[in-house]
Amino acid sequence: MKEFAVYTGLRILLFVASLLTVTLIWSLLTEGRVPALWPLVIAFAVSGVLSYFLLNRQRIAFAKKVEERAARAASKFEERKAREDRDRGD
């Protein structure tokens, strides 16, 4: 699923960019002392908010593809179920 790969790759890239930015700003403000946990937490929150706005088109394309795949699977299931009912004589 190309849409999944694109969306996931962009989310990872956005997180890494946020982490680098937060770490750089933190190190500039605290003279090089950067704890491990807080920049991760802040970058996670920032990238989540940014991805909501910046990756909307990719998220919609991914959701559409998932919906189409689920509809095909449901259709095939109903088709097999109807065939079984016919074969049993119901």
PDB file of N, CA and C in Angstrom:
ATOM      1  N   MET A   1       0.832  -1.171   0.000  1.00  0.00           N
ATOM      2  CA  MET A   1       0.000   0.000   0.000  1.00  0.00           C
ATOM      3  C   MET A   1       0.886   1.248   0.000  1.00  0.00           C
ATOM      4  N   LYS A   2       0.939   1.850  -1.135  1.00  0.00           N
ATOM      5  CA  LYS A   2       1.777   3.028  -1.322  1.00  0.00           C
ATOM      6  C   LYS A   2       1.371   4.160  -0.386  1.00  0.00           C
ATOM      7  N   GLU A   3       0.084   4.368  -0.198  1.00  0.00           N
ATOM      8  CA  GLU A   3      -0.397   5.461   0.640  1.00  0.00           C
ATOM      9  C   GLU A   3       0.085   5.303   2.074  1.00  0.00           C
ATOM     10  N   PHE A   4       0.093   4.063   2.562  1.00  0.00           N
ATOM     11  CA  PHE A   4       0.572   3.791   3.917  1.00  0.00           C
ATOM     12  C   PHE A   4       2.046   4.162   4.048  1.00  0.00           C
ATOM     13  N   ALA A   5       2.850   3.748   3.080  1.00  0.00           N
ATOM     14  CA  ALA A   5       4.285   4.026   3.122  1.00  0.00           C
ATOM     15  C   ALA A   5       4.559   5.527   3.065  1.00  0.00           C
ATOM     16  N   VAL A   6       3.848   6.220   2.213  1.00  0.00           N
ATOM     17  CA  VAL A   6       4.044   7.673   2.081  1.00  0.00           C
ATOM     18  C   VAL A   6       3.659   8.379   3.375  1.00  0.00           C
ATOM     19  N   TYR A   7       2.497   8.063   3.902  1.00  0.00           N
ATOM     20  CA  TYR A   7       2.025   8.725   5.121  1.00  0.00           C
ATOM     21  C   TYR A   7       2.946   8.417   6.297  1.00  0.00           C
ATOM     22  N   THR A   8       3.329   7.155   6.460  1.00  0.00           N
ATOM     23  CA  THR A   8       4.196   6.772   7.566  1.00  0.00           C
ATOM     24  C   THR A   8       5.573   7.419   7.428  1.00  0.00           C
ATOM     25  N   GLY A   9       6.114   7.416   6.223  1.00  0.00           N
ATOM     26  CA  GLY A   9       7.408   8.048   6.005  1.00  0.00           C
ATOM     27  C   GLY A   9       7.396   9.530   6.323  1.00  0.00           C
ATOM     28  N   LEU A  10       6.339  10.210   5.913  1.00  0.00           N
ATOM     29  CA  LEU A  10       6.223  11.642   6.203  1.00  0.00           C
ATOM     30  C   LEU A  10       6.039  11.907   7.695  1.00  0.00           C
ATOM     31  N   ARG A  11       5.303  11.034   8.370  1.00  0.00           N
ATOM     32  CA  ARG A  11       5.147  11.184   9.829  1.00  0.00           C
ATOM     33  C   ARG A  11       6.481  11.021  10.535  1.00  0.00           C
ATOM     34  N   ILE A  12       7.265  10.029  10.112  1.00  0.00           N
ATOM     35  CA  ILE A  12       8.576   9.809  10.722  1.00  0.00           C
ATOM     36  C   ILE A  12       9.493  11.000  10.442  1.00  0.00           C
ATOM     37  N   LEU A  13       9.489  11.463   9.216  1.00  0.00           N
ATOM     38  CA  LEU A  13      10.315  12.615   8.847  1.00  0.00           C
ATOM     39  C   LEU A  13       9.924  13.850   9.656  1.00  0.00           C
ATOM     40  N   LEU A  14       8.644  14.073   9.830  1.00  0.00           N
ATOM     41  CA  LEU A  14       8.170  15.211  10.607  1.00  0.00           C
ATOM     42  C   LEU A  14       8.584  15.082  12.069  1.00  0.00           C
ATOM     43  N   PHE A  15       8.530  13.863  12.615  1.00  0.00           N
ATOM     44  CA  PHE A  15       8.951  13.651  13.996  1.00  0.00           C
ATOM     45  C   PHE A  15      10.442  13.916  14.159  1.00  0.00           C
ATOM     46  N   VAL A  16      11.257  13.395  13.239  1.00  0.00           N
ATOM     47  CA  VAL A  16      12.710  13.594  13.318  1.00  0.00           C
ATOM     48  C   VAL A  16      13.047  15.078  13.202  1.00  0.00           C
ATOM     49  N   ALA A  17      12.394  15.780  12.280  1.00  0.00           N
ATOM     50  CA  ALA A  17      12.637  17.216  12.132  1.00  0.00           C
ATOM     51  C   ALA A  17      12.235  17.957  13.406  1.00  0.00           C
ATOM     52  N   SER A  18      11.131  17.579  14.005  1.00  0.00           N
ATOM     53  CA  SER A  18      10.692  18.211  15.253  1.00  0.00           C
ATOM     54  C   SER A  18      11.675  17.919  16.377  1.00  0.00           C
ATOM     55  N   LEU A  19      12.136  16.685  16.450  1.00  0.00           N
ATOM     56  CA  LEU A  19      13.086  16.306  17.494  1.00  0.00           C
ATOM     57  C   LEU A  19      14.391  17.082  17.349  1.00  0.00           C
ATOM     58  N   LEU A  20      14.898  17.188  16.138  1.00  0.00           N
ATOM     59  CA  LEU A  20      16.134  17.945  15.913  1.00  0.00           C
ATOM     60  C   LEU A  20      15.949  19.416  16.269  1.00  0.00           C
ATOM     61  N   THR A  21      14.821  19.980  15.889  1.00  0.00           N
ATOM     62  CA  THR A  21      14.547  21.390  16.182  1.00  0.00           C
ATOM     63  C   THR A  21      14.436  21.624  17.689  1.00  0.00           C
ATOM     64  N   VAL A  22      13.687  20.782  18.370  1.00  0.00           N
ATOM     65  CA  VAL A  22      13.517  20.928  19.822  1.00  0.00           C
ATOM     66  C   VAL A  22      14.859  20.744  20.530  1.00  0.00           C
ATOM     67  N   THR A  23      15.628  19.756  20.113  1.00  0.00           N
ATOM     68  CA  THR A  23      16.927  19.508  20.738  1.00  0.00           C
ATOM     69  C   THR A  23      17.872  20.679  20.513  1.00  0.00           C
ATOM     70  N   LEU A  24      17.890  21.222  19.318  1.00  0.00           N
ATOM     71  CA  LEU A  24      18.744  22.370  19.026  1.00  0.00           C
ATOM     72  C   LEU A  24      18.352  23.582  19.866  1.00  0.00           C
ATOM     73  N   ILE A  25      17.075  23.886  19.898  1.00  0.00           N
ATOM     74  CA  ILE A  25      16.610  25.033  20.691  1.00  0.00           C
ATOM     75  C   ILE A  25      16.908  24.813  22.170  1.00  0.00           C
ATOM     76  N   TRP A  26      16.667  23.604  22.647  1.00  0.00           N
ATOM     77  CA  TRP A  26      16.910  23.289  24.059  1.00  0.00           C
ATOM     78  C   TRP A  26      18.396  23.459  24.386  1.00  0.00           C
ATOM     79  N   SER A  27      19.257  22.962  23.501  1.00  0.00           N
ATOM     80  CA  SER A  27      20.693  23.060  23.773  1.00  0.00           C
ATOM     81  C   SER A  27      21.182  24.508  23.725  1.00  0.00           C
ATOM     82  N   LEU A  28      20.583  25.326  22.879  1.00  0.00           N
ATOM     83  CA  LEU A  28      20.954  26.735  22.825  1.00  0.00           C
ATOM     84  C   LEU A  28      20.517  27.482  24.086  1.00  0.00           C
ATOM     85  N   LEU A  29      19.359  27.122  24.610  1.00  0.00           N
ATOM     86  CA  LEU A  29      18.829  27.803  25.790  1.00  0.00           C
ATOM     87  C   LEU A  29      19.472  27.322  27.087  1.00  0.00           C
ATOM     88  N   THR A  30      19.957  26.090  27.117  1.00  0.00           N
ATOM     89  CA  THR A  30      20.499  25.533  28.365  1.00  0.00           C
ATOM     90  C   THR A  30      22.000  25.279  28.277  1.00  0.00           C
ATOM     91  N   GLU A  31      22.657  25.894  27.344  1.00  0.00           N
ATOM     92  CA  GLU A  31      24.110  25.789  27.202  1.00  0.00           C
ATOM     93  C   GLU A  31      24.583  24.351  26.999  1.00  0.00           C
ATOM     94  N   GLY A  32      23.868  23.593  26.188  1.00  0.00           N
ATOM     95  CA  GLY A  32      24.318  22.269  25.776  1.00  0.00           C
ATOM     96  C   GLY A  32      23.833  21.109  26.605  1.00  0.00           C
ATOM     97  N   ARG A  33      23.153  21.344  27.704  1.00  0.00           N
ATOM     98  CA  ARG A  33      22.653  20.245  28.542  1.00  0.00           C
ATOM     99  C   ARG A  33      21.232  19.889  28.114  1.00  0.00           C
ATOM    100  N   VAL A  34      21.090  18.760  27.427  1.00  0.00           N
ATOM    101  CA  VAL A  34      19.785  18.351  26.914  1.00  0.00           C
ATOM    102  C   VAL A  34      19.424  16.994  27.515  1.00  0.00           C
ATOM    103  N   PRO A  35      18.346  16.940  28.319  1.00  0.00           N
ATOM    104  CA  PRO A  35      17.902  15.637  28.830  1.00  0.00           C
ATOM    105  C   PRO A  35      17.323  14.804  27.684  1.00  0.00           C
ATOM    106  N   ALA A  36      17.202  13.523  27.917  1.00  0.00           N
ATOM    107  CA  ALA A  36      16.736  12.637  26.842  1.00  0.00           C
ATOM    108  C   ALA A  36      15.212  12.629  26.704  1.00  0.00           C
ATOM    109  N   LEU A  37      14.496  12.671  27.786  1.00  0.00           N
ATOM    110  CA  LEU A  37      13.052  12.444  27.752  1.00  0.00           C
ATOM    111  C   LEU A  37      12.248  13.641  27.238  1.00  0.00           C
ATOM    112  N   TRP A  38      12.491  14.835  27.758  1.00  0.00           N
ATOM    113  CA  TRP A  38      11.633  15.971  27.437  1.00  0.00           C
ATOM    114  C   TRP A  38      11.643  16.383  25.979  1.00  0.00           C
ATOM    115  N   PRO A  39      12.790  16.415  25.314  1.00  0.00           N
ATOM    116  CA  PRO A  39      12.733  16.730  23.880  1.00  0.00           C
ATOM    117  C   PRO A  39      11.926  15.694  23.086  1.00  0.00           C
ATOM    118  N   LEU A  40      11.984  14.426  23.491  1.00  0.00           N
ATOM    119  CA  LEU A  40      11.183  13.390  22.821  1.00  0.00           C
ATOM    120  C   LEU A  40       9.693  13.656  23.002  1.00  0.00           C
ATOM    121  N   VAL A  41       9.297  13.964  24.219  1.00  0.00           N
ATOM    122  CA  VAL A  41       7.879  14.222  24.508  1.00  0.00           C
ATOM    123  C   VAL A  41       7.386  15.447  23.742  1.00  0.00           C
ATOM    124  N   ILE A  42       8.172  16.521  23.787  1.00  0.00           N
ATOM    125  CA  ILE A  42       7.777  17.747  23.092  1.00  0.00           C
ATOM    126  C   ILE A  42       7.731  17.525  21.583  1.00  0.00           C
ATOM    127  N   ALA A  43       8.735  16.842  21.040  1.00  0.00           N
ATOM    128  CA  ALA A  43       8.764  16.575  19.593  1.00  0.00           C
ATOM    129  C   ALA A  43       7.592  15.704  19.173  1.00  0.00           C
ATOM    130  N   PHE A  44       7.230  14.731  20.003  1.00  0.00           N
ATOM    131  CA  PHE A  44       6.085  13.877  19.706  1.00  0.00           C
ATOM    132  C   PHE A  44       4.804  14.712  19.625  1.00  0.00           C
ATOM    133  N   ALA A  45       4.622  15.599  20.597  1.00  0.00           N
ATOM    134  CA  ALA A  45       3.415  16.443  20.610  1.00  0.00           C
ATOM    135  C   ALA A  45       3.411  17.414  19.427  1.00  0.00           C
ATOM    136  N   VAL A  46       4.539  18.052  19.171  1.00  0.00           N
ATOM    137  CA  VAL A  46       4.622  19.022  18.074  1.00  0.00           C
ATOM    138  C   VAL A  46       4.387  18.339  16.728  1.00  0.00           C
ATOM    139  N   SER A  47       5.033  17.194  16.515  1.00  0.00           N
ATOM    140  CA  SER A  47       4.868  16.511  15.232  1.00  0.00           C
ATOM    141  C   SER A  47       3.440  15.992  15.060  1.00  0.00           C
ATOM    142  N   GLY A  48       2.797  15.605  16.151  1.00  0.00           N
ATOM    143  CA  GLY A  48       1.401  15.163  16.067  1.00  0.00           C
ATOM    144  C   GLY A  48       0.474  16.280  15.628  1.00  0.00           C
ATOM    145  N   VAL A  49       0.651  17.449  16.219  1.00  0.00           N
ATOM    146  CA  VAL A  49      -0.179  18.599  15.855  1.00  0.00           C
ATOM    147  C   VAL A  49       0.118  19.036  14.420  1.00  0.00           C
ATOM    148  N   LEU A  50       1.393  19.118  14.078  1.00  0.00           N
ATOM    149  CA  LEU A  50       1.748  19.534  12.719  1.00  0.00           C
ATOM    150  C   LEU A  50       1.248  18.548  11.675  1.00  0.00           C
ATOM    151  N   SER A  51       1.330  17.253  11.974  1.00  0.00           N
ATOM    152  CA  SER A  51       0.889  16.263  10.989  1.00  0.00           C
ATOM    153  C   SER A  51      -0.611  16.349  10.744  1.00  0.00           C
ATOM    154  N   TYR A  52      -1.358  16.753  11.760  1.00  0.00           N
ATOM    155  CA  TYR A  52      -2.800  16.897  11.586  1.00  0.00           C
ATOM    156  C   TYR A  52      -3.107  17.921  10.486  1.00  0.00           C
ATOM    157  N   PHE A  53      -2.333  18.983  10.449  1.00  0.00           N
ATOM    158  CA  PHE A  53      -2.563  20.031   9.464  1.00  0.00           C
ATOM    159  C   PHE A  53      -1.787  19.797   8.166  1.00  0.00           C
ATOM    160  N   LEU A  54      -0.527  19.408   8.269  1.00  0.00           N
ATOM    161  CA  LEU A  54       0.334  19.312   7.090  1.00  0.00           C
ATOM    162  C   LEU A  54       0.114  18.040   6.271  1.00  0.00           C
ATOM    163  N   LEU A  55      -0.319  16.964   6.914  1.00  0.00           N
ATOM    164  CA  LEU A  55      -0.447  15.682   6.213  1.00  0.00           C
ATOM    165  C   LEU A  55      -1.902  15.264   6.015  1.00  0.00           C
ATOM    166  N   ASN A  56      -2.791  16.223   5.987  1.00  0.00           N
ATOM    167  CA  ASN A  56      -4.214  15.922   5.835  1.00  0.00           C
ATOM    168  C   ASN A  56      -4.506  15.206   4.521  1.00  0.00           C
ATOM    169  N   ARG A  57      -3.910  15.674   3.431  1.00  0.00           N
ATOM    170  CA  ARG A  57      -4.158  15.072   2.118  1.00  0.00           C
ATOM    171  C   ARG A  57      -3.694  13.610   2.093  1.00  0.00           C
ATOM    172  N   GLN A  58      -2.517  13.333   2.655  1.00  0.00           N
ATOM    173  CA  GLN A  58      -1.995  11.969   2.675  1.00  0.00           C
ATOM    174  C   GLN A  58      -2.844  11.076   3.580  1.00  0.00           C
ATOM    175  N   ARG A  59      -3.309  11.624   4.704  1.00  0.00           N
ATOM    176  CA  ARG A  59      -4.147  10.842   5.617  1.00  0.00           C
ATOM    177  C   ARG A  59      -5.481  10.483   4.952  1.00  0.00           C
ATOM    178  N   ILE A  60      -6.058  11.413   4.212  1.00  0.00           N
ATOM    179  CA  ILE A  60      -7.315  11.154   3.517  1.00  0.00           C
ATOM    180  C   ILE A  60      -7.121  10.094   2.434  1.00  0.00           C
ATOM    181  N   ALA A  61      -6.025  10.182   1.688  1.00  0.00           N
ATOM    182  CA  ALA A  61      -5.747   9.180   0.645  1.00  0.00           C
ATOM    183  C   ALA A  61      -5.568   7.798   1.258  1.00  0.00           C
ATOM    184  N   PHE A  62      -4.864   7.728   2.386  1.00  0.00           N
ATOM    185  CA  PHE A  62      -4.651   6.454   3.069  1.00  0.00           C
ATOM    186  C   PHE A  62      -5.979   5.889   3.574  1.00  0.00           C
ATOM    187  N   ALA A  63      -6.793   6.731   4.192  1.00  0.00           N
ATOM    188  CA  ALA A  63      -8.090   6.279   4.708  1.00  0.00           C
ATOM    189  C   ALA A  63      -9.000   5.801   3.582  1.00  0.00           C
ATOM    190  N   LYS A  64      -8.959   6.492   2.452  1.00  0.00           N
ATOM    191  CA  LYS A  64      -9.781   6.091   1.301  1.00  0.00           C
ATOM    192  C   LYS A  64      -9.362   4.706   0.809  1.00  0.00           C
ATOM    193  N   LYS A  65      -8.063   4.474   0.736  1.00  0.00           N
ATOM    194  CA  LYS A  65      -7.558   3.179   0.275  1.00  0.00           C
ATOM    195  C   LYS A  65      -7.970   2.065   1.236  1.00  0.00           C
ATOM    196  N   VAL A  66      -7.883   2.328   2.530  1.00  0.00           N
ATOM    197  CA  VAL A  66      -8.289   1.340   3.536  1.00  0.00           C
ATOM    198  C   VAL A  66      -9.778   1.057   3.424  1.00  0.00           C
ATOM    199  N   GLU A  67     -10.572   2.095   3.227  1.00  0.00           N
ATOM    200  CA  GLU A  67     -12.017   1.930   3.092  1.00  0.00           C
ATOM    201  C   GLU A  67     -12.373   1.101   1.858  1.00  0.00           C
ATOM    202  N   GLU A  68     -11.700   1.369   0.743  1.00  0.00           N
ATOM    203  CA  GLU A  68     -11.945   0.592  -0.480  1.00  0.00           C
ATOM    204  C   GLU A  68     -11.583  -0.876  -0.276  1.00  0.00           C
ATOM    205  N   ARG A  69     -10.471  -1.108   0.389  1.00  0.00           N
ATOM    206  CA  ARG A  69     -10.042  -2.487   0.637  1.00  0.00           C
ATOM    207  C   ARG A  69     -11.027  -3.213   1.562  1.00  0.00           C
ATOM    208  N   ALA A  70     -11.519  -2.524   2.574  1.00  0.00           N
ATOM    209  CA  ALA A  70     -12.499  -3.122   3.483  1.00  0.00           C
ATOM    210  C   ALA A  70     -13.805  -3.419   2.757  1.00  0.00           C
ATOM    211  N   ALA A  71     -14.216  -2.532   1.867  1.00  0.00           N
ATOM    212  CA  ALA A  71     -15.449  -2.755   1.107  1.00  0.00           C
ATOM    213  C   ALA A  71     -15.310  -3.971   0.190  1.00  0.00           C
ATOM    214  N   ARG A  72     -14.135  -4.122  -0.439  1.00  0.00           N
ATOM    215  CA  ARG A  72     -13.910  -5.299  -1.294  1.00  0.00           C
ATOM    216  C   ARG A  72     -13.929  -6.571  -0.475  1.00  0.00           C
ATOM    217  N   ALA A  73     -13.317  -6.542   0.696  1.00  0.00           N
ATOM    218  CA  ALA A  73     -13.294  -7.724   1.557  1.00  0.00           C
ATOM    219  C   ALA A  73     -14.703  -8.078   2.022  1.00  0.00           C
ATOM    220  N   ALA A  74     -15.492  -7.079   2.386  1.00  0.00           N
ATOM    221  CA  ALA A  74     -16.869  -7.326   2.826  1.00  0.00           C
ATOM    222  C   ALA A  74     -17.699  -7.878   1.681  1.00  0.00           C
ATOM    223  N   SER A  75     -17.491  -7.361   0.489  1.00  0.00           N
ATOM    224  CA  SER A  75     -18.216  -7.842  -0.682  1.00  0.00           C
ATOM    225  C   SER A  75     -17.880  -9.301  -0.973  1.00  0.00           C
ATOM    226  N   LYS A  76     -16.615  -9.641  -0.905  1.00  0.00           N
ATOM    227  CA  LYS A  76     -16.201 -11.030  -1.136  1.00  0.00           C
ATOM    228  C   LYS A  76     -16.768 -11.950  -0.070  1.00  0.00           C
ATOM    229  N   PHE A  77     -16.795 -11.473   1.181  1.00  0.00           N
ATOM    230  CA  PHE A  77     -17.358 -12.272   2.256  1.00  0.00           C
ATOM    231  C   PHE A  77     -18.837 -12.542   2.019  1.00  0.00           C
ATOM    232  N   GLU A  78     -19.575 -11.503   1.654  1.00  0.00           N
ATOM    233  CA  GLU A  78     -21.007 -11.675   1.381  1.00  0.00           C
ATOM    234  C   GLU A  78     -21.231 -12.605   0.192  1.00  0.00           C
ATOM    235  N   GLU A  79     -20.379 -12.511  -0.802  1.00  0.00           N
ATOM    236  CA  GLU A  79     -20.477 -13.378  -1.976  1.00  0.00           C
ATOM    237  C   GLU A  79     -20.269 -14.842  -1.584  1.00  0.00           C
ATOM    238  N   ARG A  80     -19.252 -15.099  -0.778  1.00  0.00           N
ATOM    239  CA  ARG A  80     -19.008 -16.486  -0.322  1.00  0.00           C
ATOM    240  C   ARG A  80     -20.151 -16.989   0.548  1.00  0.00           C
ATOM    241  N   LYS A  81     -20.672 -16.123   1.395  1.00  0.00           N
ATOM    242  CA  LYS A  81     -21.780 -16.500   2.267  1.00  0.00           C
ATOM    243  C   LYS A  81     -23.023 -16.857   1.446  1.00  0.00           C
ATOM    244  N   ALA A  82     -23.325 -16.062   0.413  1.00  0.00           N
ATOM    245  CA  ALA A  82     -24.482 -16.335  -0.449  1.00  0.00           C
ATOM    246  C   ALA A  82     -24.277 -17.639  -1.208  1.00  0.00           C
ATOM    247  N   ARG A  83     -23.040 -17.903  -1.658  1.00  0.00           N
ATOM    248  CA  ARG A  83     -22.743 -19.127  -2.384  1.00  0.00           C
ATOM    249  C   ARG A  83     -22.919 -20.337  -1.469  1.00  0.00           C
ATOM    250  N   GLU A  84     -22.472 -20.232  -0.213  1.00  0.00           N
ATOM    251  CA  GLU A  84     -22.655 -21.322   0.740  1.00  0.00           C
ATOM    252  C   GLU A  84     -24.136 -21.581   0.999  1.00  0.00           C
ATOM    253  N   ASP A  85     -24.918 -20.496   1.117  1.00  0.00           N
ATOM    254  CA  ASP A  85     -26.358 -20.649   1.349  1.00  0.00           C
ATOM    255  C   ASP A  85     -27.018 -21.342   0.169  1.00  0.00           C
ATOM    256  N   ARG A  86     -26.603 -21.008  -1.051  1.00  0.00           N
ATOM    257  CA  ARG A  86     -27.160 -21.665  -2.223  1.00  0.00           C
ATOM    258  C   ARG A  86     -26.775 -23.149  -2.271  1.00  0.00           C
ATOM    259  N   ASP A  87     -25.526 -23.419  -1.929  1.00  0.00           N
ATOM    260  CA  ASP A  87     -25.036 -24.807  -1.962  1.00  0.00           C
ATOM    261  C   ASP A  87     -25.740 -25.661  -0.920  1.00  0.00           C
ATOM    262  N   ARG A  88     -26.113 -25.100   0.220  1.00  0.00           N
ATOM    263  CA  ARG A  88     -26.809 -25.847   1.257  1.00  0.00           C
ATOM    264  C   ARG A  88     -28.309 -25.935   0.984  1.00  0.00           C
ATOM    265  N   GLY A  89     -28.784 -25.108   0.094  1.00  0.00           N
ATOM    266  CA  GLY A  89     -30.207 -25.119  -0.258  1.00  0.00           C
ATOM    267  C   GLY A  89     -31.063 -24.249   0.632  1.00  0.00           C
ATOM    268  N   ASP A  90     -30.478 -23.296   1.312  1.00  0.00           N
ATOM    269  CA  ASP A  90     -31.247 -22.395   2.202  1.00  0.00           C
ATOM    270  C   ASP A  90     -32.002 -21.357   1.417  1.00  0.00           C
TER     271      ASP A  90
END
